[in-house]
Amino acid sequence: KRNEFDCGKELLNNYLKFQAGQDIKRKLSVCFVMLDKHSQNIQGYYTL
């Protein structure tokens, strides 16, 4: 659920919501998300 993610930084929120998937498809990066154990909501992310 990318649209529910909000870290307080618009640039980082927008990257996850709109750009990360495109970068993965183009094999430019991989993105890992940390999920809340109970709600499965994204709590944070990092890319390589």
All heavy atoms as atom14 arrays in JSON, in Angstrom:
{
  "sequence": "KRNEFDCGKELLNNYLKFQAGQDIKRKLSVCFVMLDKHSQNIQGYYTL",
  "atom14_mask": [
    [1, 1, 1, 1, 1, 1, 1, 1, 1, 0, 0, 0, 0, 0],
    [1, 1, 1, 1, 1, 1, 1, 1, 1, 1, 1, 0, 0, 0],
    [1, 1, 1, 1, 1, 1, 1, 1, 0, 0, 0, 0, 0, 0],
    [1, 1, 1, 1, 1, 1, 1, 1, 1, 0, 0, 0, 0, 0],
    [1, 1, 1, 1, 1, 1, 1, 1, 1, 1, 1, 0, 0, 0],
    [1, 1, 1, 1, 1, 1, 1, 1, 0, 0, 0, 0, 0, 0],
    [1, 1, 1, 1, 1, 1, 0, 0, 0, 0, 0, 0, 0, 0],
    [1, 1, 1, 1, 0, 0, 0, 0, 0, 0, 0, 0, 0, 0],
    [1, 1, 1, 1, 1, 1, 1, 1, 1, 0, 0, 0, 0, 0],
    [1, 1, 1, 1, 1, 1, 1, 1, 1, 0, 0, 0, 0, 0],
    [1, 1, 1, 1, 1, 1, 1, 1, 0, 0, 0, 0, 0, 0],
    [1, 1, 1, 1, 1, 1, 1, 1, 0, 0, 0, 0, 0, 0],
    [1, 1, 1, 1, 1, 1, 1, 1, 0, 0, 0, 0, 0, 0],
    [1, 1, 1, 1, 1, 1, 1, 1, 0, 0, 0, 0, 0, 0],
    [1, 1, 1, 1, 1, 1, 1, 1, 1, 1, 1, 1, 0, 0],
    [1, 1, 1, 1, 1, 1, 1, 1, 0, 0, 0, 0, 0, 0],
    [1, 1, 1, 1, 1, 1, 1, 1, 1, 0, 0, 0, 0, 0],
    [1, 1, 1, 1, 1, 1, 1, 1, 1, 1, 1, 0, 0, 0],
    [1, 1, 1, 1, 1, 1, 1, 1, 1, 0, 0, 0, 0, 0],
    [1, 1, 1, 1, 1, 0, 0, 0, 0, 0, 0, 0, 0, 0],
    [1, 1, 1, 1, 0, 0, 0, 0, 0, 0, 0, 0, 0, 0],
    [1, 1, 1, 1, 1, 1, 1, 1, 1, 0, 0, 0, 0, 0],
    [1, 1, 1, 1, 1, 1, 1, 1, 0, 0, 0, 0, 0, 0],
    [1, 1, 1, 1, 1, 1, 1, 1, 0, 0, 0, 0, 0, 0],
    [1, 1, 1, 1, 1, 1, 1, 1, 1, 0, 0, 0, 0, 0],
    [1, 1, 1, 1, 1, 1, 1, 1, 1, 1, 1, 0, 0, 0],
    [1, 1, 1, 1, 1, 1, 1, 1, 1, 0, 0, 0, 0, 0],
    [1, 1, 1, 1, 1, 1, 1, 1, 0, 0, 0, 0, 0, 0],
    [1, 1, 1, 1, 1, 1, 0, 0, 0, 0, 0, 0, 0, 0],
    [1, 1, 1, 1, 1, 1, 1, 0, 0, 0, 0, 0, 0, 0],
    [1, 1, 1, 1, 1, 1, 0, 0, 0, 0, 0, 0, 0, 0],
    [1, 1, 1, 1, 1, 1, 1, 1, 1, 1, 1, 0, 0, 0],
    [1, 1, 1, 1, 1, 1, 1, 0, 0, 0, 0, 0, 0, 0],
    [1, 1, 1, 1, 1, 1, 1, 1, 0, 0, 0, 0, 0, 0],
    [1, 1, 1, 1, 1, 1, 1, 1, 0, 0, 0, 0, 0, 0],
    [1, 1, 1, 1, 1, 1, 1, 1, 0, 0, 0, 0, 0, 0],
    [1, 1, 1, 1, 1, 1, 1, 1, 1, 0, 0, 0, 0, 0],
    [1, 1, 1, 1, 1, 1, 1, 1, 1, 1, 0, 0, 0, 0],
    [1, 1, 1, 1, 1, 1, 0, 0, 0, 0, 0, 0, 0, 0],
    [1, 1, 1, 1, 1, 1, 1, 1, 1, 0, 0, 0, 0, 0],
    [1, 1, 1, 1, 1, 1, 1, 1, 0, 0, 0, 0, 0, 0],
    [1, 1, 1, 1, 1, 1, 1, 1, 0, 0, 0, 0, 0, 0],
    [1, 1, 1, 1, 1, 1, 1, 1, 1, 0, 0, 0, 0, 0],
    [1, 1, 1, 1, 0, 0, 0, 0, 0, 0, 0, 0, 0, 0],
    [1, 1, 1, 1, 1, 1, 1, 1, 1, 1, 1, 1, 0, 0],
    [1, 1, 1, 1, 1, 1, 1, 1, 1, 1, 1, 1, 0, 0],
    [1, 1, 1, 1, 1, 1, 1, 0, 0, 0, 0, 0, 0, 0],
    [1, 1, 1, 1, 1, 1, 1, 1, 0, 0, 0, 0, 0, 0]
  ],
  "atom14_positions": [
    [[0.84, -1.2, 0.0], [0.0, 0.0, 0.0], [0.87, 1.26, 0.0], [1.06, 1.89, 1.03], [-0.91, 0.0, 1.22], [-1.76, -1.25, 1.35], [-2.46, -1.28, 2.69], [-3.09, -2.62, 2.93], [-3.56, -2.75, 4.3], [0.0, 0.0, 0.0], [0.0, 0.0, 0.0], [0.0, 0.0, 0.0], [0.0, 0.0, 0.0], [0.0, 0.0, 0.0]],
    [[1.38, 1.62, -1.16], [2.29, 2.77, -1.26], [1.6, 4.09, -0.98], [2.21, 5.01, -0.44], [2.89, 2.83, -2.66], [3.76, 1.67, -2.98], [4.3, 1.82, -4.36], [4.21, 0.53, -5.02], [4.72, 0.28, -6.19], [5.33, 1.23, -6.86], [4.61, -0.91, -6.72], [0.0, 0.0, 0.0], [0.0, 0.0, 0.0], [0.0, 0.0, 0.0]],
    [[0.36, 4.23, -1.37], [-0.34, 5.52, -1.21], [-0.58, 5.9, 0.24], [-0.8, 7.06, 0.54], [-1.67, 5.5, -1.98], [-1.46, 5.56, -3.47], [-0.48, 6.15, -3.93], [-2.36, 4.97, -4.23], [0.0, 0.0, 0.0], [0.0, 0.0, 0.0], [0.0, 0.0, 0.0], [0.0, 0.0, 0.0], [0.0, 0.0, 0.0], [0.0, 0.0, 0.0]],
    [[-0.51, 4.94, 1.14], [-0.71, 5.22, 2.55], [0.58, 5.62, 3.26], [0.55, 6.04, 4.41], [-1.34, 4.01, 3.23], [-2.74, 3.7, 2.69], [-3.36, 2.48, 3.34], [-2.88, 2.05, 4.4], [-4.33, 1.97, 2.77], [0.0, 0.0, 0.0], [0.0, 0.0, 0.0], [0.0, 0.0, 0.0], [0.0, 0.0, 0.0], [0.0, 0.0, 0.0]],
    [[1.72, 5.49, 2.59], [3.01, 5.8, 3.2], [3.2, 7.31, 3.32], [2.95, 8.06, 2.38], [4.15, 5.21, 2.38], [5.51, 5.52, 2.92], [5.98, 4.88, 4.05], [6.32, 6.47, 2.33], [7.23, 5.16, 4.57], [7.58, 6.77, 2.82], [8.03, 6.11, 3.95], [0.0, 0.0, 0.0], [0.0, 0.0, 0.0], [0.0, 0.0, 0.0]],
    [[3.65, 7.77, 4.48], [3.97, 9.18, 4.68], [5.06, 9.3, 5.73], [4.83, 9.07, 6.91], [2.74, 9.97, 5.1], [3.01, 11.47, 5.19], [4.14, 11.9, 4.89], [2.08, 12.21, 5.54], [0.0, 0.0, 0.0], [0.0, 0.0, 0.0], [0.0, 0.0, 0.0], [0.0, 0.0, 0.0], [0.0, 0.0, 0.0], [0.0, 0.0, 0.0]],
    [[6.26, 9.67, 5.28], [7.39, 9.82, 6.21], [7.59, 11.27, 6.61], [8.49, 11.59, 7.37], [8.66, 9.28, 5.58], [9.27, 10.24, 4.19], [0.0, 0.0, 0.0], [0.0, 0.0, 0.0], [0.0, 0.0, 0.0], [0.0, 0.0, 0.0], [0.0, 0.0, 0.0], [0.0, 0.0, 0.0], [0.0, 0.0, 0.0], [0.0, 0.0, 0.0]],
    [[6.75, 12.17, 6.07], [6.89, 13.58, 6.37], [7.72, 14.34, 5.36], [7.85, 15.56, 5.45], [0.0, 0.0, 0.0], [0.0, 0.0, 0.0], [0.0, 0.0, 0.0], [0.0, 0.0, 0.0], [0.0, 0.0, 0.0], [0.0, 0.0, 0.0], [0.0, 0.0, 0.0], [0.0, 0.0, 0.0], [0.0, 0.0, 0.0], [0.0, 0.0, 0.0]],
    [[8.32, 13.64, 4.42], [9.14, 14.26, 3.37], [8.48, 13.97, 2.02], [8.46, 12.82, 1.56], [10.56, 13.7, 3.36], [11.3, 13.88, 4.65], [11.8, 15.29, 4.78], [12.65, 15.4, 6.05], [13.14, 16.71, 6.25], [0.0, 0.0, 0.0], [0.0, 0.0, 0.0], [0.0, 0.0, 0.0], [0.0, 0.0, 0.0], [0.0, 0.0, 0.0]],
    [[7.91, 15.0, 1.4], [7.15, 14.83, 0.16], [7.98, 14.17, -0.94], [7.49, 13.31, -1.67], [6.61, 16.17, -0.33], [5.68, 16.03, -1.5], [5.06, 17.37, -1.89], [5.27, 18.38, -1.2], [4.35, 17.37, -2.91], [0.0, 0.0, 0.0], [0.0, 0.0, 0.0], [0.0, 0.0, 0.0], [0.0, 0.0, 0.0], [0.0, 0.0, 0.0]],
    [[9.24, 14.54, -1.06], [10.11, 13.98, -2.1], [10.25, 12.46, -1.93], [10.16, 11.7, -2.9], [11.47, 14.66, -2.06], [12.46, 14.27, -3.15], [11.95, 14.72, -4.52], [13.81, 14.9, -2.87], [0.0, 0.0, 0.0], [0.0, 0.0, 0.0], [0.0, 0.0, 0.0], [0.0, 0.0, 0.0], [0.0, 0.0, 0.0], [0.0, 0.0, 0.0]],
    [[10.46, 12.01, -0.69], [10.61, 10.58, -0.43], [9.28, 9.84, -0.6], [9.25, 8.72, -1.12], [11.17, 10.35, 0.97], [12.58, 10.89, 1.21], [12.97, 10.71, 2.67], [13.57, 10.22, 0.29], [0.0, 0.0, 0.0], [0.0, 0.0, 0.0], [0.0, 0.0, 0.0], [0.0, 0.0, 0.0], [0.0, 0.0, 0.0], [0.0, 0.0, 0.0]],
    [[8.19, 10.46, -0.16], [6.86, 9.86, -0.36], [6.59, 9.66, -1.85], [6.14, 8.59, -2.27], [5.77, 10.73, 0.24], [5.84, 10.83, 1.74], [6.41, 9.99, 2.41], [5.26, 11.89, 2.27], [0.0, 0.0, 0.0], [0.0, 0.0, 0.0], [0.0, 0.0, 0.0], [0.0, 0.0, 0.0], [0.0, 0.0, 0.0], [0.0, 0.0, 0.0]],
    [[6.84, 10.7, -2.63], [6.56, 10.64, -4.06], [7.44, 9.63, -4.78], [7.0, 8.97, -5.72], [6.71, 12.02, -4.7], [5.58, 12.94, -4.33], [4.5, 12.5, -3.92], [5.8, 14.23, -4.45], [0.0, 0.0, 0.0], [0.0, 0.0, 0.0], [0.0, 0.0, 0.0], [0.0, 0.0, 0.0], [0.0, 0.0, 0.0], [0.0, 0.0, 0.0]],
    [[8.69, 9.48, -4.35], [9.55, 8.48, -4.97], [8.94, 7.09, -4.8], [8.84, 6.33, -5.76], [10.98, 8.51, -4.4], [11.81, 7.41, -5.02], [12.33, 7.58, -6.3], [12.01, 6.2, -4.38], [13.04, 6.56, -6.92], [12.72, 5.18, -4.98], [13.23, 5.36, -6.25], [13.91, 4.34, -6.87], [0.0, 0.0, 0.0], [0.0, 0.0, 0.0]],
    [[8.55, 6.77, -3.59], [7.98, 5.45, -3.35], [6.67, 5.26, -4.12], [6.44, 4.21, -4.71], [7.74, 5.24, -1.86], [7.2, 3.86, -1.48], [8.21, 2.77, -1.81], [6.82, 3.81, -0.02], [0.0, 0.0, 0.0], [0.0, 0.0, 0.0], [0.0, 0.0, 0.0], [0.0, 0.0, 0.0], [0.0, 0.0, 0.0], [0.0, 0.0, 0.0]],
    [[5.84, 6.27, -4.13], [4.51, 6.16, -4.75], [4.57, 6.13, -6.27], [3.78, 5.43, -6.9], [3.63, 7.32, -4.29], [3.28, 7.25, -2.82], [2.51, 8.48, -2.37], [2.29, 8.46, -0.87], [1.6, 9.65, -0.39], [0.0, 0.0, 0.0], [0.0, 0.0, 0.0], [0.0, 0.0, 0.0], [0.0, 0.0, 0.0], [0.0, 0.0, 0.0]],
    [[5.48, 6.9, -6.88], [5.42, 7.09, -8.33], [6.65, 6.6, -9.1], [6.53, 6.24, -10.27], [5.21, 8.57, -8.66], [4.0, 9.15, -8.0], [4.14, 10.14, -7.04], [2.74, 8.71, -8.31], [3.02, 10.69, -6.42], [1.61, 9.24, -7.7], [1.75, 10.24, -6.75], [0.0, 0.0, 0.0], [0.0, 0.0, 0.0], [0.0, 0.0, 0.0]],
    [[7.82, 6.59, -8.51], [9.04, 6.32, -9.26], [9.68, 4.98, -8.97], [10.28, 4.37, -9.86], [10.06, 7.44, -8.98], [11.28, 7.39, -9.88], [10.96, 7.64, -11.33], [10.18, 8.53, -11.65], [11.52, 6.84, -12.22], [0.0, 0.0, 0.0], [0.0, 0.0, 0.0], [0.0, 0.0, 0.0], [0.0, 0.0, 0.0], [0.0, 0.0, 0.0]],
    [[9.59, 4.48, -7.76], [10.29, 3.24, -7.38], [9.92, 2.07, -8.29], [10.8, 1.33, -8.74], [10.01, 2.9, -5.92], [0.0, 0.0, 0.0], [0.0, 0.0, 0.0], [0.0, 0.0, 0.0], [0.0, 0.0, 0.0], [0.0, 0.0, 0.0], [0.0, 0.0, 0.0], [0.0, 0.0, 0.0], [0.0, 0.0, 0.0], [0.0, 0.0, 0.0]],
    [[8.64, 1.9, -8.57], [8.21, 0.8, -9.43], [8.79, 0.89, -10.82], [9.19, -0.13, -11.42], [0.0, 0.0, 0.0], [0.0, 0.0, 0.0], [0.0, 0.0, 0.0], [0.0, 0.0, 0.0], [0.0, 0.0, 0.0], [0.0, 0.0, 0.0], [0.0, 0.0, 0.0], [0.0, 0.0, 0.0], [0.0, 0.0, 0.0], [0.0, 0.0, 0.0]],
    [[8.87, 2.09, -11.37], [9.45, 2.28, -12.7], [10.95, 1.96, -12.7], [11.46, 1.33, -13.64], [9.23, 3.71, -13.17], [7.77, 4.03, -13.41], [7.59, 5.49, -13.8], [8.47, 6.12, -14.36], [6.42, 6.04, -13.48], [0.0, 0.0, 0.0], [0.0, 0.0, 0.0], [0.0, 0.0, 0.0], [0.0, 0.0, 0.0], [0.0, 0.0, 0.0]],
    [[11.65, 2.37, -11.64], [13.08, 2.08, -11.54], [13.32, 0.58, -11.45], [14.29, 0.07, -12.02], [13.69, 2.79, -10.34], [13.83, 4.29, -10.55], [13.57, 4.77, -11.68], [14.18, 4.98, -9.57], [0.0, 0.0, 0.0], [0.0, 0.0, 0.0], [0.0, 0.0, 0.0], [0.0, 0.0, 0.0], [0.0, 0.0, 0.0], [0.0, 0.0, 0.0]],
    [[12.46, -0.13, -10.74], [12.58, -1.58, -10.62], [12.37, -2.24, -11.99], [13.14, -3.11, -12.39], [11.59, -2.13, -9.58], [11.98, -1.65, -8.19], [11.52, -3.66, -9.63], [10.9, -1.88, -7.13], [0.0, 0.0, 0.0], [0.0, 0.0, 0.0], [0.0, 0.0, 0.0], [0.0, 0.0, 0.0], [0.0, 0.0, 0.0], [0.0, 0.0, 0.0]],
    [[11.33, -1.83, -12.7], [11.04, -2.4, -14.02], [12.2, -2.18, -14.99], [12.49, -3.04, -15.82], [9.77, -1.78, -14.6], [8.51, -2.27, -13.97], [7.3, -1.58, -14.58], [6.05, -1.89, -13.77], [4.89, -1.1, -14.24], [0.0, 0.0, 0.0], [0.0, 0.0, 0.0], [0.0, 0.0, 0.0], [0.0, 0.0, 0.0], [0.0, 0.0, 0.0]],
    [[12.85, -1.02, -14.89], [13.98, -0.71, -15.79], [15.3, -1.26, -15.26], [16.36, -1.01, -15.83], [14.07, 0.8, -15.98], [12.85, 1.34, -16.69], [12.93, 2.8, -17.11], [13.88, 3.63, -16.43], [13.61, 4.8, -15.85], [12.37, 5.26, -15.85], [14.55, 5.51, -15.28], [0.0, 0.0, 0.0], [0.0, 0.0, 0.0], [0.0, 0.0, 0.0]],
    [[15.23, -2.0, -14.14], [16.4, -2.63, -13.51], [17.48, -1.6, -13.12], [18.66, -1.87, -13.19], [16.97, -3.72, -14.39], [15.97, -4.82, -14.65], [16.59, -5.95, -15.42], [15.51, -6.88, -15.88], [15.28, -8.04, -15.23], [0.0, 0.0, 0.0], [0.0, 0.0, 0.0], [0.0, 0.0, 0.0], [0.0, 0.0, 0.0], [0.0, 0.0, 0.0]],
    [[17.01, -0.43, -12.7], [17.93, 0.61, -12.22], [18.18, 0.5, -10.73], [19.19, 0.99, -10.23], [17.37, 2.0, -12.55], [17.21, 2.32, -14.02], [16.53, 3.68, -14.2], [18.57, 2.31, -14.71], [0.0, 0.0, 0.0], [0.0, 0.0, 0.0], [0.0, 0.0, 0.0], [0.0, 0.0, 0.0], [0.0, 0.0, 0.0], [0.0, 0.0, 0.0]],
    [[17.23, -0.12, -10.02], [17.37, -0.27, -8.57], [16.43, -1.36, -8.07], [15.58, -1.86, -8.82], [17.05, 1.05, -7.86], [15.68, 1.36, -8.01], [0.0, 0.0, 0.0], [0.0, 0.0, 0.0], [0.0, 0.0, 0.0], [0.0, 0.0, 0.0], [0.0, 0.0, 0.0], [0.0, 0.0, 0.0], [0.0, 0.0, 0.0], [0.0, 0.0, 0.0]],
    [[16.62, -1.71, -6.82], [15.66, -2.55, -6.11], [15.23, -1.77, -4.88], [15.98, -0.94, -4.36], [16.24, -3.93, -5.7], [16.5, -4.79, -6.91], [17.48, -3.79, -4.86], [0.0, 0.0, 0.0], [0.0, 0.0, 0.0], [0.0, 0.0, 0.0], [0.0, 0.0, 0.0], [0.0, 0.0, 0.0], [0.0, 0.0, 0.0], [0.0, 0.0, 0.0]],
    [[14.02, -2.0, -4.45], [13.48, -1.26, -3.31], [12.96, -2.25, -2.28], [12.19, -3.16, -2.62], [12.35, -0.34, -3.79], [11.66, 0.69, -2.47], [0.0, 0.0, 0.0], [0.0, 0.0, 0.0], [0.0, 0.0, 0.0], [0.0, 0.0, 0.0], [0.0, 0.0, 0.0], [0.0, 0.0, 0.0], [0.0, 0.0, 0.0], [0.0, 0.0, 0.0]],
    [[13.39, -2.08, -1.05], [12.94, -2.91, 0.06], [12.05, -2.07, 0.95], [12.34, -0.89, 1.19], [14.13, -3.42, 0.87], [15.02, -4.35, 0.1], [16.07, -3.85, -0.65], [14.8, -5.71, 0.12], [16.9, -4.69, -1.37], [15.62, -6.58, -0.6], [16.67, -6.06, -1.34], [0.0, 0.0, 0.0], [0.0, 0.0, 0.0], [0.0, 0.0, 0.0]],
    [[10.97, -2.66, 1.44], [10.07, -1.97, 2.35], [10.02, -2.69, 3.69], [10.12, -3.92, 3.75], [8.63, -1.85, 1.76], [8.62, -0.93, 0.56], [8.06, -3.2, 1.39], [0.0, 0.0, 0.0], [0.0, 0.0, 0.0], [0.0, 0.0, 0.0], [0.0, 0.0, 0.0], [0.0, 0.0, 0.0], [0.0, 0.0, 0.0], [0.0, 0.0, 0.0]],
    [[9.91, -1.91, 4.76], [9.74, -2.46, 6.09], [8.26, -2.34, 6.43], [7.69, -1.24, 6.35], [10.56, -1.7, 7.12], [10.44, -2.3, 8.51], [11.5, -1.48, 9.71], [10.68, 0.08, 9.88], [0.0, 0.0, 0.0], [0.0, 0.0, 0.0], [0.0, 0.0, 0.0], [0.0, 0.0, 0.0], [0.0, 0.0, 0.0], [0.0, 0.0, 0.0]],
    [[7.64, -3.46, 6.77], [6.21, -3.5, 7.02], [5.9, -3.63, 8.49], [6.62, -4.31, 9.24], [5.58, -4.68, 6.27], [5.82, -4.72, 4.77], [5.28, -6.02, 4.2], [5.18, -3.53, 4.09], [0.0, 0.0, 0.0], [0.0, 0.0, 0.0], [0.0, 0.0, 0.0], [0.0, 0.0, 0.0], [0.0, 0.0, 0.0], [0.0, 0.0, 0.0]],
    [[4.81, -3.0, 8.91], [4.28, -3.2, 10.25], [3.79, -4.65, 10.34], [3.1, -5.13, 9.44], [3.12, -2.23, 10.5], [2.53, -2.4, 11.87], [3.05, -1.78, 12.82], [1.55, -3.17, 11.98], [0.0, 0.0, 0.0], [0.0, 0.0, 0.0], [0.0, 0.0, 0.0], [0.0, 0.0, 0.0], [0.0, 0.0, 0.0], [0.0, 0.0, 0.0]],
    [[4.15, -5.31, 11.4], [3.84, -6.73, 11.56], [2.34, -7.0, 11.51], [1.89, -8.0, 10.96], [4.41, -7.24, 12.88], [4.35, -8.74, 13.04], [4.84, -9.2, 14.41], [6.29, -8.85, 14.61], [6.83, -9.39, 15.88], [0.0, 0.0, 0.0], [0.0, 0.0, 0.0], [0.0, 0.0, 0.0], [0.0, 0.0, 0.0], [0.0, 0.0, 0.0]],
    [[1.54, -6.1, 12.06], [0.1, -6.36, 12.18], [-0.71, -5.79, 11.03], [-1.56, -6.46, 10.47], [-0.42, -5.81, 13.51], [0.31, -6.39, 14.68], [0.14, -7.7, 15.08], [1.24, -5.87, 15.51], [0.92, -7.95, 16.11], [1.6, -6.85, 16.4], [0.0, 0.0, 0.0], [0.0, 0.0, 0.0], [0.0, 0.0, 0.0], [0.0, 0.0, 0.0]],
    [[-0.44, -4.55, 10.65], [-1.27, -3.9, 9.63], [-0.72, -4.1, 8.21], [-1.43, -3.83, 7.25], [-1.35, -2.39, 9.91], [-0.09, -1.78, 9.7], [0.0, 0.0, 0.0], [0.0, 0.0, 0.0], [0.0, 0.0, 0.0], [0.0, 0.0, 0.0], [0.0, 0.0, 0.0], [0.0, 0.0, 0.0], [0.0, 0.0, 0.0], [0.0, 0.0, 0.0]],
    [[0.53, -4.52, 8.1], [1.2, -4.68, 6.81], [1.4, -3.34, 6.08], [1.68, -3.32, 4.89], [0.45, -5.67, 5.9], [0.45, -7.1, 6.43], [1.86, -7.69, 6.48], [2.54, -7.74, 5.48], [2.29, -8.11, 7.65], [0.0, 0.0, 0.0], [0.0, 0.0, 0.0], [0.0, 0.0, 0.0], [0.0, 0.0, 0.0], [0.0, 0.0, 0.0]],
    [[1.26, -2.22, 6.78], [1.52, -0.9, 6.2], [3.03, -0.67, 6.12], [3.8, -1.14, 6.97], [0.9, 0.22, 7.04], [-0.6, 0.24, 6.91], [-1.17, -0.19, 5.91], [-1.27, 0.74, 7.93], [0.0, 0.0, 0.0], [0.0, 0.0, 0.0], [0.0, 0.0, 0.0], [0.0, 0.0, 0.0], [0.0, 0.0, 0.0], [0.0, 0.0, 0.0]],
    [[3.45, 0.07, 5.11], [4.87, 0.39, 4.94], [5.29, 1.38, 6.01], [4.7, 2.44, 6.16], [5.13, 0.96, 3.53], [4.79, -0.08, 2.46], [6.59, 1.4, 3.4], [4.87, 0.45, 1.03], [0.0, 0.0, 0.0], [0.0, 0.0, 0.0], [0.0, 0.0, 0.0], [0.0, 0.0, 0.0], [0.0, 0.0, 0.0], [0.0, 0.0, 0.0]],
    [[6.34, 1.04, 6.75], [6.86, 1.9, 7.8], [8.1, 2.66, 7.34], [8.44, 3.69, 7.89], [7.21, 1.07, 9.04], [6.01, 0.34, 9.62], [4.96, 1.31, 10.11], [5.22, 2.13, 10.96], [3.77, 1.21, 9.55], [0.0, 0.0, 0.0], [0.0, 0.0, 0.0], [0.0, 0.0, 0.0], [0.0, 0.0, 0.0], [0.0, 0.0, 0.0]],
    [[8.78, 2.13, 6.33], [9.99, 2.75, 5.79], [10.45, 1.97, 4.58], [9.92, 0.91, 4.28], [0.0, 0.0, 0.0], [0.0, 0.0, 0.0], [0.0, 0.0, 0.0], [0.0, 0.0, 0.0], [0.0, 0.0, 0.0], [0.0, 0.0, 0.0], [0.0, 0.0, 0.0], [0.0, 0.0, 0.0], [0.0, 0.0, 0.0], [0.0, 0.0, 0.0]],
    [[11.44, 2.52, 3.88], [11.97, 1.82, 2.72], [13.41, 2.24, 2.46], [13.88, 3.26, 2.96], [11.11, 2.07, 1.47], [11.24, 3.44, 0.86], [12.15, 3.68, -0.17], [10.45, 4.51, 1.28], [12.27, 4.94, -0.74], [10.55, 5.76, 0.71], [11.47, 5.97, -0.31], [11.58, 7.21, -0.87], [0.0, 0.0, 0.0], [0.0, 0.0, 0.0]],
    [[14.11, 1.44, 1.68], [15.43, 1.82, 1.19], [15.62, 1.2, -0.19], [14.96, 0.23, -0.54], [16.55, 1.42, 2.15], [16.76, -0.06, 2.35], [17.71, -0.74, 1.59], [16.05, -0.78, 3.29], [17.94, -2.11, 1.78], [16.26, -2.12, 3.49], [17.2, -2.78, 2.73], [17.42, -4.12, 2.92], [0.0, 0.0, 0.0], [0.0, 0.0, 0.0]],
    [[16.47, 1.82, -0.97], [16.74, 1.33, -2.32], [18.23, 1.05, -2.48], [19.07, 1.66, -1.81], [16.31, 2.34, -3.39], [17.03, 3.55, -3.2], [14.83, 2.62, -3.34], [0.0, 0.0, 0.0], [0.0, 0.0, 0.0], [0.0, 0.0, 0.0], [0.0, 0.0, 0.0], [0.0, 0.0, 0.0], [0.0, 0.0, 0.0], [0.0, 0.0, 0.0]],
    [[18.51, 0.12, -3.36], [19.88, -0.16, -3.77], [19.93, 0.06, -5.28], [19.1, -0.47, -6.02], [20.27, -1.61, -3.44], [20.29, -1.96, -1.96], [20.55, -3.44, -1.79], [21.32, -1.14, -1.22], [0.0, 0.0, 0.0], [0.0, 0.0, 0.0], [0.0, 0.0, 0.0], [0.0, 0.0, 0.0], [0.0, 0.0, 0.0], [0.0, 0.0, 0.0]]
  ]
}
